[in-house]
PDB file of N, CA and C in Angstrom:
ATOM      1  N   MET A   1      77.884  94.194 102.930  1.00  0.00           N
ATOM      2  CA  MET A   1      78.706  93.196 102.286  1.00  0.00           C
ATOM      3  C   MET A   1      77.980  92.734 101.028  1.00  0.00           C
ATOM      4  N   PHE A   2      78.774  92.324 100.053  1.00  0.00           N
ATOM      5  CA  PHE A   2      78.207  91.952  98.757  1.00  0.00           C
ATOM      6  C   PHE A   2      78.830  90.657  98.237  1.00  0.00           C
ATOM      7  N   ILE A   3      78.002  89.913  97.535  1.00  0.00           N
ATOM      8  CA  ILE A   3      78.464  88.789  96.728  1.00  0.00           C
ATOM      9  C   ILE A   3      78.331  89.238  95.280  1.00  0.00           C
ATOM     10  N   VAL A   4      79.409  89.116  94.523  1.00  0.00           N
ATOM     11  CA  VAL A   4      79.365  89.445  93.102  1.00  0.00           C
ATOM     12  C   VAL A   4      79.462  88.129  92.349  1.00  0.00           C
ATOM     13  N   ASN A   5      78.420  87.827  91.592  1.00  0.00           N
ATOM     14  CA  ASN A   5      78.348  86.604  90.807  1.00  0.00           C
ATOM     15  C   ASN A   5      78.633  86.952  89.349  1.00  0.00           C
ATOM     16  N   LEU A   6      79.772  86.495  88.844  1.00  0.00           N
ATOM     17  CA  LEU A   6      80.130  86.729  87.445  1.00  0.00           C
ATOM     18  C   LEU A   6      79.670  85.553  86.607  1.00  0.00           C
ATOM     19  N   ILE A   7      79.085  85.849  85.471  1.00  0.00           N
ATOM     20  CA  ILE A   7      78.654  84.826  84.522  1.00  0.00           C
ATOM     21  C   ILE A   7      79.307  85.168  83.190  1.00  0.00           C
ATOM     22  N   TYR A   8      80.168  84.270  82.715  1.00  0.00           N
ATOM     23  CA  TYR A   8      80.875  84.533  81.461  1.00  0.00           C
ATOM     24  C   TYR A   8      79.907  84.579  80.291  1.00  0.00           C
ATOM     25  N   LYS A   9      80.130  85.545  79.394  1.00  0.00           N
ATOM     26  CA  LYS A   9      79.318  85.724  78.196  1.00  0.00           C
ATOM     27  C   LYS A   9      80.026  85.200  76.949  1.00  0.00           C
ATOM     28  N   VAL A  10      81.304  84.863  77.105  1.00  0.00           N
ATOM     29  CA  VAL A  10      82.118  84.461  75.959  1.00  0.00           C
ATOM     30  C   VAL A  10      82.824  83.150  76.279  1.00  0.00           C
ATOM     31  N   GLU A  11      83.455  82.559  75.263  1.00  0.00           N
ATOM     32  CA  GLU A  11      84.177  81.300  75.451  1.00  0.00           C
ATOM     33  C   GLU A  11      85.393  81.505  76.357  1.00  0.00           C
ATOM     34  N   LEU A  12      85.841  80.426  76.990  1.00  0.00           N
ATOM     35  CA  LEU A  12      86.939  80.498  77.949  1.00  0.00           C
ATOM     36  C   LEU A  12      88.232  81.005  77.327  1.00  0.00           C
ATOM     37  N   GLN A  13      88.457  80.751  76.058  1.00  0.00           N
ATOM     38  CA  GLN A  13      89.667  81.245  75.399  1.00  0.00           C
ATOM     39  C   GLN A  13      89.741  82.767  75.497  1.00  0.00           C
ATOM     40  N   LYS A  14      88.624  83.439  75.295  1.00  0.00           N
ATOM     41  CA  LYS A  14      88.572  84.904  75.393  1.00  0.00           C
ATOM     42  C   LYS A  14      88.783  85.346  76.845  1.00  0.00           C
ATOM     43  N   ILE A  15      88.195  84.613  77.789  1.00  0.00           N
ATOM     44  CA  ILE A  15      88.388  84.906  79.218  1.00  0.00           C
ATOM     45  C   ILE A  15      89.876  84.801  79.556  1.00  0.00           C
ATOM     46  N   ASP A  16      90.506  83.721  79.107  1.00  0.00           N
ATOM     47  CA  ASP A  16      91.916  83.493  79.421  1.00  0.00           C
ATOM     48  C   ASP A  16      92.824  84.576  78.841  1.00  0.00           C
ATOM     49  N   GLU A  17      92.429  85.178  77.728  1.00  0.00           N
ATOM     50  CA  GLU A  17      93.208  86.265  77.139  1.00  0.00           C
ATOM     51  C   GLU A  17      93.281  87.481  78.062  1.00  0.00           C
ATOM     52  N   HIS A  18      92.281  87.643  78.916  1.00  0.00           N
ATOM     53  CA  HIS A  18      92.210  88.797  79.809  1.00  0.00           C
ATOM     54  C   HIS A  18      92.398  88.419  81.277  1.00  0.00           C
ATOM     55  N   LEU A  19      92.718  87.160  81.539  1.00  0.00           N
ATOM     56  CA  LEU A  19      92.799  86.668  82.913  1.00  0.00           C
ATOM     57  C   LEU A  19      93.903  87.355  83.721  1.00  0.00           C
ATOM     58  N   GLU A  20      95.067  87.548  83.126  1.00  0.00           N
ATOM     59  CA  GLU A  20      96.169  88.185  83.849  1.00  0.00           C
ATOM     60  C   GLU A  20      95.778  89.595  84.300  1.00  0.00           C
ATOM     61  N   ALA A  21      95.141  90.358  83.425  1.00  0.00           N
ATOM     62  CA  ALA A  21      94.709  91.716  83.777  1.00  0.00           C
ATOM     63  C   ALA A  21      93.611  91.673  84.838  1.00  0.00           C
ATOM     64  N   HIS A  22      92.727  90.685  84.756  1.00  0.00           N
ATOM     65  CA  HIS A  22      91.665  90.519  85.750  1.00  0.00           C
ATOM     66  C   HIS A  22      92.262  90.226  87.125  1.00  0.00           C
ATOM     67  N   VAL A  23      93.257  89.352  87.179  1.00  0.00           N
ATOM     68  CA  VAL A  23      93.913  89.004  88.446  1.00  0.00           C
ATOM     69  C   VAL A  23      94.626  90.229  89.023  1.00  0.00           C
ATOM     70  N   LYS A  24      95.231  91.018  88.175  1.00  0.00           N
ATOM     71  CA  LYS A  24      95.877  92.259  88.639  1.00  0.00           C
ATOM     72  C   LYS A  24      94.828  93.193  89.247  1.00  0.00           C
ATOM     73  N   PHE A  25      93.691  93.324  88.586  1.00  0.00           N
ATOM     74  CA  PHE A  25      92.581  94.118  89.125  1.00  0.00           C
ATOM     75  C   PHE A  25      92.161  93.587  90.494  1.00  0.00           C
ATOM     76  N   LEU A  26      91.991  92.260  90.615  1.00  0.00           N
ATOM     77  CA  LEU A  26      91.611  91.662  91.899  1.00  0.00           C
ATOM     78  C   LEU A  26      92.639  91.990  92.972  1.00  0.00           C
ATOM     79  N   ASP A  27      93.918  91.825  92.638  1.00  0.00           N
ATOM     80  CA  ASP A  27      94.991  92.102  93.599  1.00  0.00           C
ATOM     81  C   ASP A  27      94.915  93.537  94.125  1.00  0.00           C
ATOM     82  N   GLU A  28      94.631  94.479  93.244  1.00  0.00           N
ATOM     83  CA  GLU A  28      94.515  95.882  93.645  1.00  0.00           C
ATOM     84  C   GLU A  28      93.369  96.071  94.633  1.00  0.00           C
ATOM     85  N   GLN A  29      92.266  95.382  94.403  1.00  0.00           N
ATOM     86  CA  GLN A  29      91.104  95.523  95.286  1.00  0.00           C
ATOM     87  C   GLN A  29      91.356  94.854  96.644  1.00  0.00           C
ATOM     88  N   TYR A  30      92.098  93.755  96.652  1.00  0.00           N
ATOM     89  CA  TYR A  30      92.491  93.130  97.920  1.00  0.00           C
ATOM     90  C   TYR A  30      93.373  94.073  98.730  1.00  0.00           C
ATOM     91  N   LYS A  31      94.324  94.718  98.077  1.00  0.00           N
ATOM     92  CA  LYS A  31      95.223  95.646  98.771  1.00  0.00           C
ATOM     93  C   LYS A  31      94.459  96.814  99.388  1.00  0.00           C
ATOM     94  N   LYS A  32      93.398  97.236  98.727  1.00  0.00           N
ATOM     95  CA  LYS A  32      92.575  98.334  99.235  1.00  0.00           C
ATOM     96  C   LYS A  32      91.602  97.869 100.320  1.00  0.00           C
ATOM     97  N   GLY A  33      91.484  96.547 100.501  1.00  0.00           N
ATOM     98  CA  GLY A  33      90.592  96.008 101.518  1.00  0.00           C
ATOM     99  C   GLY A  33      89.157  95.831 101.060  1.00  0.00           C
ATOM    100  N   TYR A  34      88.904  95.977  99.760  1.00  0.00           N
ATOM    101  CA  TYR A  34      87.544  95.875  99.246  1.00  0.00           C
ATOM    102  C   TYR A  34      87.094  94.430  99.023  1.00  0.00           C
ATOM    103  N   PHE A  35      88.005  93.572  98.603  1.00  0.00           N
ATOM    104  CA  PHE A  35      87.652  92.184  98.321  1.00  0.00           C
ATOM    105  C   PHE A  35      88.210  91.286  99.413  1.00  0.00           C
ATOM    106  N   LEU A  36      87.405  90.306  99.818  1.00  0.00           N
ATOM    107  CA  LEU A  36      87.782  89.388 100.890  1.00  0.00           C
ATOM    108  C   LEU A  36      88.054  87.981 100.384  1.00  0.00           C
ATOM    109  N   ALA A  37      87.398  87.592  99.304  1.00  0.00           N
ATOM    110  CA  ALA A  37      87.576  86.262  98.718  1.00  0.00           C
ATOM    111  C   ALA A  37      87.099  86.316  97.268  1.00  0.00           C
ATOM    112  N   SER A  38      87.686  85.465  96.439  1.00  0.00           N
ATOM    113  CA  SER A  38      87.262  85.394  95.042  1.00  0.00           C
ATOM    114  C   SER A  38      87.753  84.098  94.436  1.00  0.00           C
ATOM    115  N   GLY A  39      87.124  83.708  93.338  1.00  0.00           N
ATOM    116  CA  GLY A  39      87.574  82.521  92.639  1.00  0.00           C
ATOM    117  C   GLY A  39      86.594  82.085  91.578  1.00  0.00           C
ATOM    118  N   PRO A  40      87.033  81.136  90.744  1.00  0.00           N
ATOM    119  CA  PRO A  40      86.170  80.632  89.674  1.00  0.00           C
ATOM    120  C   PRO A  40      85.103  79.692  90.222  1.00  0.00           C
ATOM    121  N   LYS A  41      83.985  79.634  89.509  1.00  0.00           N
ATOM    122  CA  LYS A  41      82.930  78.676  89.850  1.00  0.00           C
ATOM    123  C   LYS A  41      83.280  77.321  89.231  1.00  0.00           C
ATOM    124  N   VAL A  42      82.658  76.285  89.763  1.00  0.00           N
ATOM    125  CA  VAL A  42      82.800  74.940  89.214  1.00  0.00           C
ATOM    126  C   VAL A  42      81.406  74.470  88.821  1.00  0.00           C
ATOM    127  N   PRO A  43      81.153  74.235  87.530  1.00  0.00           N
ATOM    128  CA  PRO A  43      82.076  74.319  86.406  1.00  0.00           C
ATOM    129  C   PRO A  43      82.465  75.772  86.133  1.00  0.00           C
ATOM    130  N   ARG A  44      83.524  75.947  85.376  1.00  0.00           N
ATOM    131  CA  ARG A  44      84.107  77.269  85.129  1.00  0.00           C
ATOM    132  C   ARG A  44      83.291  78.060  84.103  1.00  0.00           C
ATOM    133  N   ASN A  45      82.149  78.564  84.571  1.00  0.00           N
ATOM    134  CA  ASN A  45      81.295  79.388  83.719  1.00  0.00           C
ATOM    135  C   ASN A  45      81.167  80.806  84.271  1.00  0.00           C
ATOM    136  N   GLY A  46      82.042  81.126  85.223  1.00  0.00           N
ATOM    137  CA  GLY A  46      82.032  82.442  85.842  1.00  0.00           C
ATOM    138  C   GLY A  46      82.850  82.417  87.114  1.00  0.00           C
ATOM    139  N   GLY A  47      82.602  83.382  87.966  1.00  0.00           N
ATOM    140  CA  GLY A  47      83.343  83.468  89.221  1.00  0.00           C
ATOM    141  C   GLY A  47      82.510  84.144  90.287  1.00  0.00           C
ATOM    142  N   VAL A  48      83.074  84.208  91.485  1.00  0.00           N
ATOM    143  CA  VAL A  48      82.407  84.828  92.626  1.00  0.00           C
ATOM    144  C   VAL A  48      83.414  85.710  93.357  1.00  0.00           C
ATOM    145  N   ILE A  49      82.958  86.868  93.790  1.00  0.00           N
ATOM    146  CA  ILE A  49      83.772  87.786  94.592  1.00  0.00           C
ATOM    147  C   ILE A  49      82.970  88.138  95.845  1.00  0.00           C
ATOM    148  N   LEU A  50      83.606  88.068  96.992  1.00  0.00           N
ATOM    149  CA  LEU A  50      83.024  88.537  98.242  1.00  0.00           C
ATOM    150  C   LEU A  50      83.632  89.903  98.516  1.00  0.00           C
ATOM    151  N   ALA A  51      82.784  90.939  98.541  1.00  0.00           N
ATOM    152  CA  ALA A  51      83.266  92.312  98.653  1.00  0.00           C
ATOM    153  C   ALA A  51      82.737  92.986  99.915  1.00  0.00           C
ATOM    154  N   ASN A  52      83.587  93.770 100.536  1.00  0.00           N
ATOM    155  CA  ASN A  52      83.218  94.527 101.726  1.00  0.00           C
ATOM    156  C   ASN A  52      83.436  96.008 101.435  1.00  0.00           C
ATOM    157  N   VAL A  53      82.411  96.637 100.874  1.00  0.00           N
ATOM    158  CA  VAL A  53      82.448  98.067 100.563  1.00  0.00           C
ATOM    159  C   VAL A  53      81.227  98.730 101.189  1.00  0.00           C
ATOM    160  N   ASP A  54      81.225 100.059 101.205  1.00  0.00           N
ATOM    161  CA  ASP A  54      80.172 100.786 101.908  1.00  0.00           C
ATOM    162  C   ASP A  54      78.806 100.707 101.244  1.00  0.00           C
ATOM    163  N   ASP A  55      78.763 100.777  99.922  1.00  0.00           N
ATOM    164  CA  ASP A  55      77.452 100.738  99.258  1.00  0.00           C
ATOM    165  C   ASP A  55      77.578 100.195  97.837  1.00  0.00           C
ATOM    166  N   LYS A  56      76.426  99.919  97.264  1.00  0.00           N
ATOM    167  CA  LYS A  56      76.372  99.296  95.942  1.00  0.00           C
ATOM    168  C   LYS A  56      76.962 100.199  94.857  1.00  0.00           C
ATOM    169  N   ASP A  57      76.734 101.503  94.954  1.00  0.00           N
ATOM    170  CA  ASP A  57      77.287 102.420  93.951  1.00  0.00           C
ATOM    171  C   ASP A  57      78.811 102.367  93.944  1.00  0.00           C
ATOM    172  N   GLU A  58      79.403 102.330  95.132  1.00  0.00           N
ATOM    173  CA  GLU A  58      80.856 102.227  95.224  1.00  0.00           C
ATOM    174  C   GLU A  58      81.346 100.931  94.580  1.00  0.00           C
ATOM    175  N   LEU A  59      80.633  99.838  94.859  1.00  0.00           N
ATOM    176  CA  LEU A  59      81.014  98.548  94.274  1.00  0.00           C
ATOM    177  C   LEU A  59      80.864  98.568  92.759  1.00  0.00           C
ATOM    178  N   GLU A  60      79.804  99.175  92.264  1.00  0.00           N
ATOM    179  CA  GLU A  60      79.605  99.273  90.811  1.00  0.00           C
ATOM    180  C   GLU A  60      80.762 100.040  90.160  1.00  0.00           C
ATOM    181  N   ASN A  61      81.239 101.082  90.816  1.00  0.00           N
ATOM    182  CA  ASN A  61      82.389 101.843  90.293  1.00  0.00           C
ATOM    183  C   ASN A  61      83.647 100.976  90.265  1.00  0.00           C
ATOM    184  N   ILE A  62      83.838 100.185  91.302  1.00  0.00           N
ATOM    185  CA  ILE A  62      84.991  99.283  91.359  1.00  0.00           C
ATOM    186  C   ILE A  62      84.894  98.251  90.251  1.00  0.00           C
ATOM    187  N   ILE A  63      83.738  97.624  90.111  1.00  0.00           N
ATOM    188  CA  ILE A  63      83.527  96.595  89.083  1.00  0.00           C
ATOM    189  C   ILE A  63      83.787  97.168  87.690  1.00  0.00           C
ATOM    190  N   GLY A  64      83.452  98.415  87.494  1.00  0.00           N
ATOM    191  CA  GLY A  64      83.663  99.054  86.194  1.00  0.00           C
ATOM    192  C   GLY A  64      85.113  99.074  85.751  1.00  0.00           C
ATOM    193  N   LYS A  65      86.043  98.880  86.687  1.00  0.00           N
ATOM    194  CA  LYS A  65      87.469  98.855  86.369  1.00  0.00           C
ATOM    195  C   LYS A  65      87.980  97.455  86.030  1.00  0.00           C
ATOM    196  N   ASP A  66      87.141  96.445  86.223  1.00  0.00           N
ATOM    197  CA  ASP A  66      87.537  95.058  85.934  1.00  0.00           C
ATOM    198  C   ASP A  66      87.665  94.864  84.423  1.00  0.00           C
ATOM    199  N   PRO A  67      88.797  94.338  83.961  1.00  0.00           N
ATOM    200  CA  PRO A  67      88.942  94.084  82.521  1.00  0.00           C
ATOM    201  C   PRO A  67      87.830  93.203  81.941  1.00  0.00           C
ATOM    202  N   PHE A  68      87.312  92.279  82.718  1.00  0.00           N
ATOM    203  CA  PHE A  68      86.206  91.455  82.224  1.00  0.00           C
ATOM    204  C   PHE A  68      84.979  92.330  81.936  1.00  0.00           C
ATOM    205  N   LYS A  69      84.753  93.350  82.750  1.00  0.00           N
ATOM    206  CA  LYS A  69      83.640  94.277  82.538  1.00  0.00           C
ATOM    207  C   LYS A  69      83.952  95.219  81.378  1.00  0.00           C
ATOM    208  N   LYS A  70      85.163  95.757  81.360  1.00  0.00           N
ATOM    209  CA  LYS A  70      85.554  96.703  80.310  1.00  0.00           C
ATOM    210  C   LYS A  70      85.427  96.099  78.919  1.00  0.00           C
ATOM    211  N   HIS A  71      85.715  94.800  78.808  1.00  0.00           N
ATOM    212  CA  HIS A  71      85.677  94.122  77.511  1.00  0.00           C
ATOM    213  C   HIS A  71      84.384  93.345  77.291  1.00  0.00           C
ATOM    214  N   ASP A  72      83.402  93.577  78.172  1.00  0.00           N
ATOM    215  CA  ASP A  72      82.068  92.968  78.047  1.00  0.00           C
ATOM    216  C   ASP A  72      82.135  91.439  77.969  1.00  0.00           C
ATOM    217  N   LEU A  73      82.958  90.845  78.842  1.00  0.00           N
ATOM    218  CA  LEU A  73      83.151  89.399  78.843  1.00  0.00           C
ATOM    219  C   LEU A  73      82.249  88.668  79.827  1.00  0.00           C
ATOM    220  N   ALA A  74      81.688  89.407  80.797  1.00  0.00           N
ATOM    221  CA  ALA A  74      80.897  88.757  81.842  1.00  0.00           C
ATOM    222  C   ALA A  74      79.745  89.642  82.280  1.00  0.00           C
ATOM    223  N   LEU A  75      78.693  88.975  82.728  1.00  0.00           N
ATOM    224  CA  LEU A  75      77.598  89.661  83.407  1.00  0.00           C
ATOM    225  C   LEU A  75      77.932  89.687  84.888  1.00  0.00           C
ATOM    226  N   TYR A  76      77.483  90.711  85.599  1.00  0.00           N
ATOM    227  CA  TYR A  76      77.767  90.869  87.022  1.00  0.00           C
ATOM    228  C   TYR A  76      76.456  90.976  87.786  1.00  0.00           C
ATOM    229  N   GLU A  77      76.185  89.996  88.635  1.00  0.00           N
ATOM    230  CA  GLU A  77      75.026  90.043  89.522  1.00  0.00           C
ATOM    231  C   GLU A  77      75.555  90.438  90.901  1.00  0.00           C
ATOM    232  N   VAL A  78      75.048  91.539  91.444  1.00  0.00           N
ATOM    233  CA  VAL A  78      75.500  92.036  92.746  1.00  0.00           C
ATOM    234  C   VAL A  78      74.404  91.767  93.765  1.00  0.00           C
ATOM    235  N   ILE A  79      74.762  91.024  94.808  1.00  0.00           N
ATOM    236  CA  ILE A  79      73.819  90.641  95.856  1.00  0.00           C
ATOM    237  C   ILE A  79      74.319  91.230  97.176  1.00  0.00           C
ATOM    238  N   GLU A  80      73.502  92.086  97.790  1.00  0.00           N
ATOM    239  CA  GLU A  80      73.873  92.651  99.082  1.00  0.00           C
ATOM    240  C   GLU A  80      73.300  91.778 100.190  1.00  0.00           C
ATOM    241  N   PHE A  81      74.081  91.584 101.249  1.00  0.00           N
ATOM    242  CA  PHE A  81      73.576  90.860 102.415  1.00  0.00           C
ATOM    243  C   PHE A  81      74.227  91.394 103.681  1.00  0.00           C
ATOM    244  N   ILE A  82      73.591  91.081 104.806  1.00  0.00           N
ATOM    245  CA  ILE A  82      74.098  91.505 106.108  1.00  0.00           C
ATOM    246  C   ILE A  82      74.602  90.264 106.835  1.00  0.00           C
ATOM    247  N   PRO A  83      75.906  90.160 107.060  1.00  0.00           N
ATOM    248  CA  PRO A  83      76.446  88.991 107.751  1.00  0.00           C
ATOM    249  C   PRO A  83      76.116  89.048 109.249  1.00  0.00           C
ATOM    250  N   ARG A  84      75.195  88.211 109.668  1.00  0.00           N
ATOM    251  CA  ARG A  84      74.802  88.143 111.075  1.00  0.00           C
ATOM    252  C   ARG A  84      75.645  87.135 111.844  1.00  0.00           C
ATOM    253  N   LYS A  85      76.081  86.092 111.172  1.00  0.00           N
ATOM    254  CA  LYS A  85      76.926  85.072 111.791  1.00  0.00           C
ATOM    255  C   LYS A  85      78.162  84.894 110.926  1.00  0.00           C
ATOM    256  N   THR A  86      79.317  84.786 111.575  1.00  0.00           N
ATOM    257  CA  THR A  86      80.578  84.562 110.891  1.00  0.00           C
ATOM    258  C   THR A  86      81.483  83.735 111.788  1.00  0.00           C
ATOM    259  N   THR A  87      82.588  83.325 111.256  1.00  0.00           N
ATOM    260  CA  THR A  87      83.632  82.742 112.094  1.00  0.00           C
ATOM    261  C   THR A  87      84.245  83.870 112.919  1.00  0.00           C
ATOM    262  N   GLU A  88      84.965  83.523 113.935  1.00  0.00           N
ATOM    263  CA  GLU A  88      85.616  84.548 114.754  1.00  0.00           C
ATOM    264  C   GLU A  88      86.597  85.383 113.934  1.00  0.00           C
ATOM    265  N   GLU A  89      87.245  84.762 112.943  1.00  0.00           N
ATOM    266  CA  GLU A  89      88.198  85.488 112.092  1.00  0.00           C
ATOM    267  C   GLU A  89      87.513  86.597 111.304  1.00  0.00           C
ATOM    268  N   LEU A  90      86.219  86.451 111.054  1.00  0.00           N
ATOM    269  CA  LEU A  90      85.475  87.447 110.282  1.00  0.00           C
ATOM    270  C   LEU A  90      84.489  88.224 111.153  1.00  0.00           C
ATOM    271  N   ALA A  91      84.676  88.196 112.451  1.00  0.00           N
ATOM    272  CA  ALA A  91      83.743  88.852 113.364  1.00  0.00           C
ATOM    273  C   ALA A  91      83.585  90.339 113.069  1.00  0.00           C
ATOM    274  N   PHE A  92      84.608  90.978 112.535  1.00  0.00           N
ATOM    275  CA  PHE A  92      84.543  92.403 112.215  1.00  0.00           C
ATOM    276  C   PHE A  92      83.483  92.721 111.173  1.00  0.00           C
ATOM    277  N   LEU A  93      82.991  91.710 110.459  1.00  0.00           N
ATOM    278  CA  LEU A  93      81.998  91.928 109.413  1.00  0.00           C
ATOM    279  C   LEU A  93      80.574  91.962 109.952  1.00  0.00           C
ATOM    280  N   ARG A  94      80.368  91.444 111.131  1.00  0.00           N
ATOM    281  CA  ARG A  94      79.006  91.368 111.680  1.00  0.00           C
ATOM    282  C   ARG A  94      78.437  92.753 111.836  1.00  0.00           C
ATOM    283  N   ASN A  95      77.184  92.849 111.493  1.00  0.00           N
ATOM    284  CA  ASN A  95      76.487  94.143 111.561  1.00  0.00           C
ATOM    285  C   ASN A  95      75.272  93.983 112.461  1.00  0.00           C
ATOM    286  N   GLY A  96      75.324  94.557 113.613  1.00  0.00           N
ATOM    287  CA  GLY A  96      74.162  94.525 114.501  1.00  0.00           C
ATOM    288  C   GLY A  96      74.144  93.490 115.512  1.00  0.00           C
TER     289      GLY A  96
END
């Protein structure tokens, strides 16, 4: 499992110009089962994505399709972790 921490590199006006395409990208990843949660940070200087993919290379390929990445609008910090404890609704994520 991965946490993707987005940090905006440009002003919010530029982010908003590409927001609709970014949301469409997110929707596609949700349909494929890759993303579990996402949203803007507070204050709005980036966002966070919770991703459930097999490995970091696969996630990097997915991120490469994000309009924010394609237009060099955000930095992407990818953090891998092993969910040992979850709510019962997310029990399928536990590893080990």
